[in-house]
Amino acid sequence: MKIVVDENIPQARDAFGNIGELMLSHGREISNELLADANVLLVRSITNVDEKLLTGTKVKFVATATAGTDHIDKEYLIKNKITFADAGGCNSFSVAEYLIAALSNISSKNNFSFNEKSLGVVGIGNVGSKVVRFAKSLGFNVLQNDPPLERKLGTKGFVPFEEILKCDIISFHVPFTHTGIDKTYHMLNEKNFHQIKSGSILINTSRGEVVDNKVLKQRLHNNDDLITVLDVWENEPNIDFELLEKVNLCSAHVAGYSLEGKVNGTEIIYNKLCDFLGIAQNWEAKYPTVSNPVITINKKLSFEELLNCIINRIYIIENDDKLLREGKNLNLHLQAKHFDNLRKNYPVRREFNNYTIKLNYEDVETKKKLESLRFNVI
C-alpha cells in the first residue's frame, strides 16, 4: 500500500509508516502524477482534492488532517466510491484561544474591560461554541448567529446577522461555502459593511473569502475606523499586503496551529484510516513536556491585565504579526513562499490546559474565570 502524505502533517512517519509505503510531499506539490499508484492520500488545507488530482489513480481513501473541507470535492469522491474523512474539531480549542489572545492584546492596548463589550459570534460549530463559552465566562455580552443551527434548534439564543454587525466585536467561525442559502462567501460585503459601526473590532479566523478583502481594504483606506484581526486571507498564499499593512493584528492562517490542534488532526485521521482498513490502532500521539508550565502571579491586577500577563508568558500573538509583516518588501512569488514557510515552520504553541496559574492571593472570581479557559489554578 502506498500512502501519499502532506509533509506538514505532524508525526506522520510514526503514525502511518507501519501501515504502508510512505511518500511525503509539500501540499502544493501533490499532483496527479505523484498519485498514479497511490492507494491513500492524506492532506492538509492547501491541496485541492478533485477530479483533476485523482482521475486515473488508485486512491480509495482520502483524509484531511484539518477541520475545514472546502478544498475537497466531496461529490467527486462519493461518485467514485472514494472514502473520505476529516478531522473536524481537532483545533477548535486552538482557534478559540487565539481569539482570546487577540482580544486580550487589544484590550490591553485600548484599555477596555471585557464586560463593557458585546461580542457577535458568527458560526456556532466546534470553534464558535467554544468562543461563546469562553467569552461568556469572561463577561462579554455574547450574541450568536448560525442559521443552519437555528433552523435545527429554534430561534431562542440566536439573532439575525444584521444584529451581529451592530456588536462591538464581530468574529467569524463559519465553514466556507460558495453556494446555497447559507453560503458564506463574502458574508461581509459592500452591501452590509456600512452596518459595522466605527470603532468596532473585526476578527476573521475562518476562511479569507468570508470577508470581501477589497471592501475591507477600502473601508480601512477611507476611514481607518475599525480594529481588525485577520488570520485568514483571500487568495492564500498570495495575500494582499496592502490590506495587511492596514490591519491591527495579522497572521498566516495559524490560529489553529497549536501543537495539540495539529497532532489531534493526525490522530483523528489515523484512527479513521485504521477503521477503513480494518486494522488495529497501535499508535499514540506524543507530546513533549511543557517548559515552565507554572506561572506565578504575586500582585493583584484587573482581570484583563492579569490575563494579558499570563497569555504573554504562553503565546505572544504579536510575534506572528511581526513575522508575517516581514514579507511585505518581497516580490510576489517570495511573498507567497514566505506565507507558506511561516505555516510550515510554525513554532511550538501549547494550549492553555498545559499551564498552571499560581495565584498568591485569594480571588475566587478570578480563579473561576481562569479555570473556564482551561487553566489549572492553585
Protein backbone atom coordinates (compact mmCIF):
# COMPACT_ATOMS: atom_id res chain seq x y z
CA MET A 1 0.00 0.00 0.00
CA LYS A 2 1.31 3.44 -0.97
CA ILE A 3 0.33 6.42 1.17
CA VAL A 4 0.98 9.99 -0.02
CA VAL A 5 1.10 12.45 2.89
CA ASP A 6 1.42 16.22 3.19
CA GLU A 7 4.79 16.73 4.87
CA ASN A 8 3.23 19.24 7.26
CA ILE A 9 1.12 16.58 8.97
CA PRO A 10 2.92 16.16 12.32
CA GLN A 11 4.18 12.74 13.44
CA ALA A 12 3.12 11.30 10.07
CA ARG A 13 6.07 8.88 9.83
CA ASP A 14 5.33 7.38 13.24
CA ALA A 15 1.59 7.20 12.66
CA PHE A 16 1.40 5.88 9.10
CA GLY A 17 4.85 4.39 8.46
CA ASN A 18 3.83 0.94 9.67
CA ILE A 19 0.65 0.88 7.58
CA GLY A 20 2.23 1.22 4.15
CA GLU A 21 4.93 2.77 1.98
CA LEU A 22 5.02 6.45 2.86
CA MET A 23 5.73 9.32 0.46
CA LEU A 24 5.90 12.79 1.99
CA SER A 25 5.34 15.83 -0.22
CA HIS A 26 4.73 19.55 0.05
CA GLY A 27 0.97 20.01 -0.06
CA ARG A 28 1.07 22.29 -3.11
CA GLU A 29 3.25 19.79 -4.99
CA ILE A 30 0.95 16.78 -4.67
CA SER A 31 0.00 16.03 -8.28
CA ASN A 32 -1.90 13.50 -10.36
CA GLU A 33 1.43 12.03 -11.48
CA LEU A 34 2.60 11.64 -7.90
CA LEU A 35 -0.62 9.79 -7.04
CA ALA A 36 -0.54 7.46 -10.05
CA ASP A 37 0.00 4.32 -7.95
CA ALA A 38 -1.10 5.64 -4.55
CA ASN A 39 -3.87 4.00 -2.52
CA VAL A 40 -4.25 6.59 0.25
CA LEU A 41 -3.99 10.39 0.21
CA LEU A 42 -3.61 12.40 3.42
CA VAL A 43 -3.60 16.20 3.09
CA ARG A 44 -3.97 19.45 4.98
CA SER A 45 -5.80 22.52 3.71
CA ILE A 46 -3.60 23.63 0.79
CA THR A 47 -4.16 20.66 -1.52
CA ASN A 48 -7.23 20.83 -3.76
CA VAL A 49 -8.57 17.29 -3.97
CA ASP A 50 -10.74 16.95 -7.06
CA GLU A 51 -11.13 15.11 -10.35
CA LYS A 52 -8.04 16.76 -11.81
CA LEU A 53 -5.92 15.45 -8.95
CA LEU A 54 -7.37 11.96 -8.62
CA THR A 55 -8.52 10.85 -12.07
CA GLY A 56 -6.86 7.63 -13.16
CA THR A 57 -5.27 6.96 -9.75
CA LYS A 58 -5.79 4.03 -7.39
CA VAL A 59 -6.68 6.26 -4.44
CA LYS A 60 -9.57 4.80 -2.42
CA PHE A 61 -9.19 6.75 0.83
CA VAL A 62 -8.72 10.50 1.24
CA ALA A 63 -8.42 12.33 4.55
CA THR A 64 -7.66 15.89 5.56
CA ALA A 65 -6.00 16.50 8.92
CA THR A 66 -7.98 19.73 9.21
CA ALA A 67 -11.44 20.79 10.28
CA GLY A 68 -12.15 22.73 7.08
CA THR A 69 -13.10 20.74 3.98
CA ASP A 70 -13.68 23.41 1.32
CA HIS A 71 -10.59 22.12 -0.56
CA ILE A 72 -12.22 18.70 -1.03
CA ASP A 73 -14.62 17.86 -3.90
CA LYS A 74 -16.81 15.56 -1.85
CA GLU A 75 -19.26 14.93 -4.66
CA TYR A 76 -16.46 13.57 -6.86
CA LEU A 77 -15.28 11.31 -4.03
CA ILE A 78 -18.77 9.94 -3.45
CA LYS A 79 -19.37 9.43 -7.18
CA ASN A 80 -16.12 7.45 -7.46
CA LYS A 81 -16.63 5.49 -4.23
CA ILE A 82 -13.60 7.03 -2.54
CA THR A 83 -13.92 7.07 1.25
CA PHE A 84 -13.36 10.49 2.85
CA ALA A 85 -12.51 11.52 6.40
CA ASP A 86 -11.85 14.88 8.03
CA ALA A 87 -10.58 15.98 11.42
CA GLY A 88 -13.48 18.17 12.45
CA GLY A 89 -12.93 19.83 15.84
CA CYS A 90 -9.24 18.94 16.02
CA ASN A 91 -8.01 22.50 16.50
CA SER A 92 -11.11 24.16 17.92
CA PHE A 93 -9.54 24.99 21.27
CA SER A 94 -6.50 26.40 19.48
CA VAL A 95 -8.59 28.83 17.42
CA ALA A 96 -10.70 29.85 20.42
CA GLU A 97 -7.53 30.53 22.43
CA TYR A 98 -6.08 32.56 19.54
CA LEU A 99 -9.19 34.74 19.67
CA ILE A 100 -8.87 35.20 23.44
CA ALA A 101 -5.19 36.12 22.97
CA ALA A 102 -6.15 38.69 20.32
CA LEU A 103 -8.88 40.24 22.47
CA SER A 104 -6.56 40.31 25.47
CA ASN A 105 -3.93 42.12 23.39
CA ILE A 106 -6.44 44.64 22.02
CA SER A 107 -7.95 45.22 25.46
CA SER A 108 -4.51 45.97 26.85
CA LYS A 109 -3.77 48.49 24.10
CA ASN A 110 -7.18 50.18 24.20
CA ASN A 111 -7.88 49.96 27.93
CA PHE A 112 -11.34 48.42 28.00
CA SER A 113 -12.94 45.80 30.20
CA PHE A 114 -14.46 42.66 28.73
CA ASN A 115 -17.82 43.27 30.39
CA GLU A 116 -18.11 46.58 28.54
CA LYS A 117 -18.22 44.90 25.13
CA SER A 118 -20.72 42.95 23.07
CA LEU A 119 -19.31 40.08 21.02
CA GLY A 120 -21.14 38.77 17.97
CA VAL A 121 -20.14 35.21 17.07
CA VAL A 122 -20.98 34.03 13.55
CA GLY A 123 -20.99 30.24 13.32
CA ILE A 124 -21.59 28.15 16.46
CA GLY A 125 -19.79 24.95 15.49
CA ASN A 126 -16.77 23.31 17.10
CA VAL A 127 -14.88 26.61 17.33
CA GLY A 128 -17.71 29.09 17.71
CA SER A 129 -19.31 27.18 20.59
CA LYS A 130 -16.01 27.29 22.50
CA VAL A 131 -15.62 31.00 21.76
CA VAL A 132 -19.13 31.58 23.14
CA ARG A 133 -18.33 29.56 26.27
CA PHE A 134 -15.04 31.36 26.90
CA ALA A 135 -16.44 34.82 26.18
CA LYS A 136 -19.48 34.44 28.42
CA SER A 137 -17.32 33.29 31.32
CA LEU A 138 -15.12 36.37 30.87
CA GLY A 139 -18.10 38.75 31.00
CA PHE A 140 -18.68 39.65 27.34
CA ASN A 141 -22.27 40.17 26.23
CA VAL A 142 -22.41 37.41 23.61
CA LEU A 143 -24.76 37.27 20.62
CA GLN A 144 -24.92 34.23 18.34
CA ASN A 145 -25.72 33.78 14.65
CA ASP A 146 -25.94 30.41 12.90
CA PRO A 147 -28.92 30.00 10.52
CA PRO A 148 -28.48 26.22 9.93
CA LEU A 149 -28.28 25.57 13.68
CA GLU A 150 -31.17 27.94 14.32
CA ARG A 151 -33.37 26.00 11.90
CA LYS A 152 -32.47 22.84 13.78
CA LEU A 153 -32.79 24.11 17.36
CA GLY A 154 -35.22 27.01 17.08
CA THR A 155 -34.76 30.76 17.29
CA LYS A 156 -34.01 31.01 21.01
CA GLY A 157 -30.46 32.18 21.61
CA PHE A 158 -29.85 33.33 18.03
CA VAL A 159 -30.01 36.74 16.37
CA PRO A 160 -30.05 37.83 12.70
CA PHE A 161 -26.74 38.64 11.03
CA GLU A 162 -27.74 42.31 10.98
CA GLU A 163 -27.77 42.32 14.79
CA ILE A 164 -24.28 40.80 14.87
CA LEU A 165 -22.98 43.68 12.75
CA LYS A 166 -24.07 46.12 15.48
CA CYS A 167 -21.83 44.47 18.08
CA ASP A 168 -18.62 45.97 19.43
CA ILE A 169 -16.74 42.84 18.34
CA ILE A 170 -17.59 40.61 15.36
CA SER A 171 -15.89 37.24 14.98
CA PHE A 172 -16.35 34.71 12.16
CA HIS A 173 -16.19 30.94 12.75
CA VAL A 174 -18.04 29.56 9.73
CA PRO A 175 -17.15 26.91 7.15
CA PHE A 176 -16.52 28.24 3.63
CA THR A 177 -19.38 27.58 1.23
CA HIS A 178 -19.74 29.25 -2.16
CA THR A 179 -23.40 28.49 -2.89
CA GLY A 180 -26.72 27.69 -1.20
CA ILE A 181 -28.97 29.54 1.22
CA ASP A 182 -26.24 29.52 3.86
CA LYS A 183 -23.34 30.45 1.60
CA THR A 184 -20.54 32.15 3.50
CA TYR A 185 -18.63 33.55 0.51
CA HIS A 186 -18.38 37.32 1.10
CA MET A 187 -20.82 37.30 4.01
CA LEU A 188 -19.33 40.67 4.78
CA ASN A 189 -19.53 42.70 1.58
CA GLU A 190 -20.15 46.11 0.06
CA LYS A 191 -23.90 45.84 0.80
CA ASN A 192 -23.58 45.37 4.55
CA PHE A 193 -20.14 46.65 5.54
CA HIS A 194 -21.57 50.08 6.34
CA GLN A 195 -23.63 48.50 9.15
CA ILE A 196 -20.48 47.96 11.19
CA LYS A 197 -20.10 50.95 13.46
CA SER A 198 -16.92 52.97 13.80
CA GLY A 199 -14.57 51.64 16.47
CA SER A 200 -15.73 48.02 16.16
CA ILE A 201 -13.34 45.09 16.32
CA LEU A 202 -13.49 42.70 13.34
CA ILE A 203 -11.91 39.24 13.62
CA ASN A 204 -11.72 36.54 10.96
CA THR A 205 -10.18 33.15 11.75
CA SER A 206 -12.45 31.06 9.49
CA ARG A 207 -11.66 31.46 5.78
CA GLY A 208 -10.42 34.56 3.99
CA GLU A 209 -13.23 34.54 1.44
CA VAL A 210 -15.86 35.06 4.15
CA VAL A 211 -14.90 38.75 4.26
CA ASP A 212 -14.59 40.67 0.99
CA ASN A 213 -10.98 41.77 1.38
CA LYS A 214 -11.26 44.53 -1.24
CA VAL A 215 -14.21 46.11 0.56
CA LEU A 216 -12.42 45.81 3.91
CA LYS A 217 -9.31 47.45 2.47
CA GLN A 218 -11.40 50.28 1.04
CA ARG A 219 -13.12 50.84 4.40
CA LEU A 220 -9.78 50.98 6.19
CA HIS A 221 -8.32 53.23 3.49
CA ASN A 222 -11.21 55.69 3.61
CA ASN A 223 -11.95 55.76 7.34
CA ASP A 224 -9.40 53.69 9.27
CA ASP A 225 -12.11 53.31 11.91
CA LEU A 226 -12.02 49.57 12.66
CA ILE A 227 -9.72 47.40 14.73
CA THR A 228 -9.07 44.35 12.58
CA VAL A 229 -7.57 40.92 13.26
CA LEU A 230 -7.02 38.71 10.21
CA ASP A 231 -5.59 35.23 10.41
CA VAL A 232 -7.09 34.20 7.06
CA TRP A 233 -6.98 35.92 3.68
CA GLU A 234 -8.44 35.73 0.23
CA ASN A 235 -6.17 34.08 -2.36
CA GLU A 236 -3.77 32.48 0.12
CA PRO A 237 -0.79 32.29 -0.12
CA ASN A 238 -0.90 35.28 -2.49
CA ILE A 239 -2.34 37.61 0.11
CA ASP A 240 -2.93 41.36 -0.20
CA PHE A 241 -0.04 43.05 1.59
CA GLU A 242 -1.67 46.47 1.10
CA LEU A 243 -4.53 45.21 3.26
CA LEU A 244 -2.09 43.61 5.68
CA GLU A 245 -0.47 46.98 6.35
CA LYS A 246 -3.83 48.39 7.42
CA VAL A 247 -4.91 45.66 9.87
CA ASN A 248 -4.04 45.75 13.57
CA LEU A 249 -3.10 42.10 14.07
CA CYS A 250 -2.29 39.66 11.31
CA SER A 251 -1.06 36.08 10.99
CA ALA A 252 -0.51 33.41 8.33
CA HIS A 253 -3.56 31.19 8.84
CA VAL A 254 -2.12 29.75 12.06
CA ALA A 255 -4.89 30.33 14.61
CA GLY A 256 -5.46 26.58 14.75
CA TYR A 257 -1.76 25.73 14.82
CA SER A 258 -1.28 24.79 18.45
CA LEU A 259 0.71 21.58 18.80
CA GLU A 260 -2.36 19.86 20.21
CA GLY A 261 -4.54 21.11 17.34
CA LYS A 262 -2.21 19.75 14.68
CA VAL A 263 -1.47 16.43 16.38
CA ASN A 264 -5.18 15.92 17.11
CA GLY A 265 -5.70 16.13 13.34
CA THR A 266 -3.14 13.39 12.76
CA GLU A 267 -4.67 11.19 15.43
CA ILE A 268 -8.21 11.55 14.10
CA ILE A 269 -7.36 10.61 10.51
CA TYR A 270 -5.05 7.82 11.69
CA ASN A 271 -7.94 6.24 13.60
CA LYS A 272 -10.29 6.65 10.65
CA LEU A 273 -7.77 5.09 8.25
CA CYS A 274 -7.33 2.12 10.58
CA ASP A 275 -11.11 1.71 10.70
CA PHE A 276 -11.27 1.84 6.89
CA LEU A 277 -8.55 -0.81 6.58
CA GLY A 278 -9.92 -2.92 9.42
CA ILE A 279 -6.63 -2.91 11.31
CA ALA A 280 -5.80 -2.33 14.98
CA GLN A 281 -4.85 1.14 16.18
CA ASN A 282 -1.38 0.82 17.67
CA TRP A 283 -0.02 4.39 17.52
CA GLU A 284 -0.43 7.09 20.15
CA ALA A 285 0.41 10.75 19.71
CA LYS A 286 3.43 12.07 21.61
CA TYR A 287 3.57 15.43 23.31
CA PRO A 288 6.80 16.95 24.64
CA THR A 289 6.96 18.24 28.20
CA VAL A 290 5.92 21.87 28.52
CA SER A 291 8.74 24.13 29.64
CA ASN A 292 7.90 26.45 32.54
CA PRO A 293 4.31 25.24 32.99
CA VAL A 294 3.73 27.13 36.26
CA ILE A 295 3.01 30.86 36.06
CA THR A 296 3.13 32.66 39.39
CA ILE A 297 1.11 35.83 39.95
CA ASN A 298 2.03 37.78 43.08
CA LYS A 299 0.36 41.13 42.51
CA LYS A 300 -3.39 41.62 42.25
CA LEU A 301 -4.35 43.14 38.90
CA SER A 302 -7.53 43.79 36.97
CA PHE A 303 -8.62 40.58 35.28
CA GLU A 304 -7.81 42.00 31.83
CA GLU A 305 -4.28 42.94 32.94
CA LEU A 306 -3.81 39.57 34.62
CA LEU A 307 -4.95 37.60 31.57
CA ASN A 308 -2.70 39.60 29.25
CA CYS A 309 0.25 38.94 31.56
CA ILE A 310 -0.48 35.20 31.59
CA ILE A 311 -1.03 34.86 27.85
CA ASN A 312 2.15 36.76 27.05
CA ARG A 313 4.02 34.10 29.02
CA ILE A 314 2.48 31.42 26.79
CA TYR A 315 1.86 32.88 23.35
CA ILE A 316 2.86 36.34 22.13
CA ILE A 317 0.43 36.92 19.29
CA GLU A 318 2.40 39.95 18.11
CA ASN A 319 5.28 37.65 17.13
CA ASP A 320 3.05 36.04 14.48
CA ASP A 321 2.06 39.53 13.35
CA LYS A 322 5.67 40.70 13.07
CA LEU A 323 6.79 37.63 11.12
CA LEU A 324 4.04 37.93 8.52
CA ARG A 325 4.72 41.65 8.01
CA GLU A 326 8.35 40.86 7.19
CA GLY A 327 7.16 39.62 3.81
CA LYS A 328 5.83 42.98 2.61
CA ASN A 329 9.06 44.02 0.83
CA LEU A 330 9.48 40.72 -1.03
CA ASN A 331 8.37 40.15 -4.63
CA LEU A 332 5.01 38.44 -5.17
CA HIS A 333 6.45 34.93 -5.61
CA LEU A 334 8.57 35.24 -2.48
CA GLN A 335 5.65 36.72 -0.52
CA ALA A 336 3.61 33.58 -1.22
CA LYS A 337 6.57 31.39 -0.27
CA HIS A 338 7.04 33.44 2.90
CA PHE A 339 3.40 32.84 3.86
CA ASP A 340 3.71 29.08 3.34
CA ASN A 341 7.04 28.91 5.18
CA LEU A 342 5.56 30.61 8.25
CA ARG A 343 2.97 27.83 8.39
CA LYS A 344 5.44 25.04 7.69
CA ASN A 345 7.94 26.23 10.29
CA TYR A 346 5.48 27.45 12.89
CA PRO A 347 6.99 27.39 16.41
CA VAL A 348 5.52 25.14 19.07
CA ARG A 349 2.49 26.71 20.75
CA ARG A 350 0.82 24.80 23.57
CA GLU A 351 -2.79 25.15 24.68
CA PHE A 352 -3.94 26.75 27.94
CA ASN A 353 -4.70 23.48 29.73
CA ASN A 354 -0.98 22.71 29.86
CA TYR A 355 -0.34 25.58 32.27
CA THR A 356 -0.90 26.06 35.98
CA ILE A 357 -1.54 29.54 37.37
CA LYS A 358 -0.34 30.04 40.94
CA LEU A 359 -2.24 32.95 42.47
CA ASN A 360 -0.50 34.20 45.61
CA TYR A 361 -3.68 35.88 46.81
CA GLU A 362 -7.31 34.85 47.29
CA ASP A 363 -9.65 35.74 44.42
CA VAL A 364 -12.47 33.29 43.83
CA GLU A 365 -13.88 35.12 40.80
CA THR A 366 -10.52 35.32 39.03
CA LYS A 367 -9.87 31.64 39.74
CA LYS A 368 -13.24 30.74 38.25
CA LYS A 369 -12.59 32.76 35.09
CA LEU A 370 -9.14 31.27 34.55
CA GLU A 371 -10.47 27.75 35.06
CA SER A 372 -13.16 28.44 32.46
CA LEU A 373 -10.30 28.96 29.98
CA ARG A 374 -8.94 25.51 31.00
CA PHE A 375 -6.03 26.83 33.05
CA ASN A 376 -5.16 24.88 36.18
CA VAL A 377 -5.28 27.29 39.13
CA ILE A 378 -3.69 26.79 42.53
